[in-house]
Amino acid sequence: MNIQKIPAKLDAETSKDVQQKIIELLDQGQHIALDFSSCEFISSVGLRVVLYSFKYAMSKELSVFLVGVSEYVRQVMRLTGFEKHFKFYDTVEECLANQK
């Protein structure tokens, strides 16, 4: 499994680079955990990156897991219906342990 650290803000300024890195990691044929432990803000553009990552992973029969999501970001994801698409974990270690 690959781990991708998400920056403090996932918005129009950071989303292009983040999406490119996620796609590169998924193209390696492994599941991915998006580590949101440093992320304090997500915009609609950031949400699109996460959703695109989910759809891209599904097309390759892979999974995207979300780790360390703050209460604020989690609430945004809850309101937009993202919770039904992802498994959430508190830590990277917990995520890795549950994939074995």
Foldseek 3Di string as FASTA:
>chain_A
DEEAEDAQECEPVCVVVSLVVLLVVVVVVAAYEYECLNHDYYDPSSVVSVVVSLVSNVVSVHHYAYEQHDPVRVVVCVVVVNVVSHHYYHHPVVVVVVVD
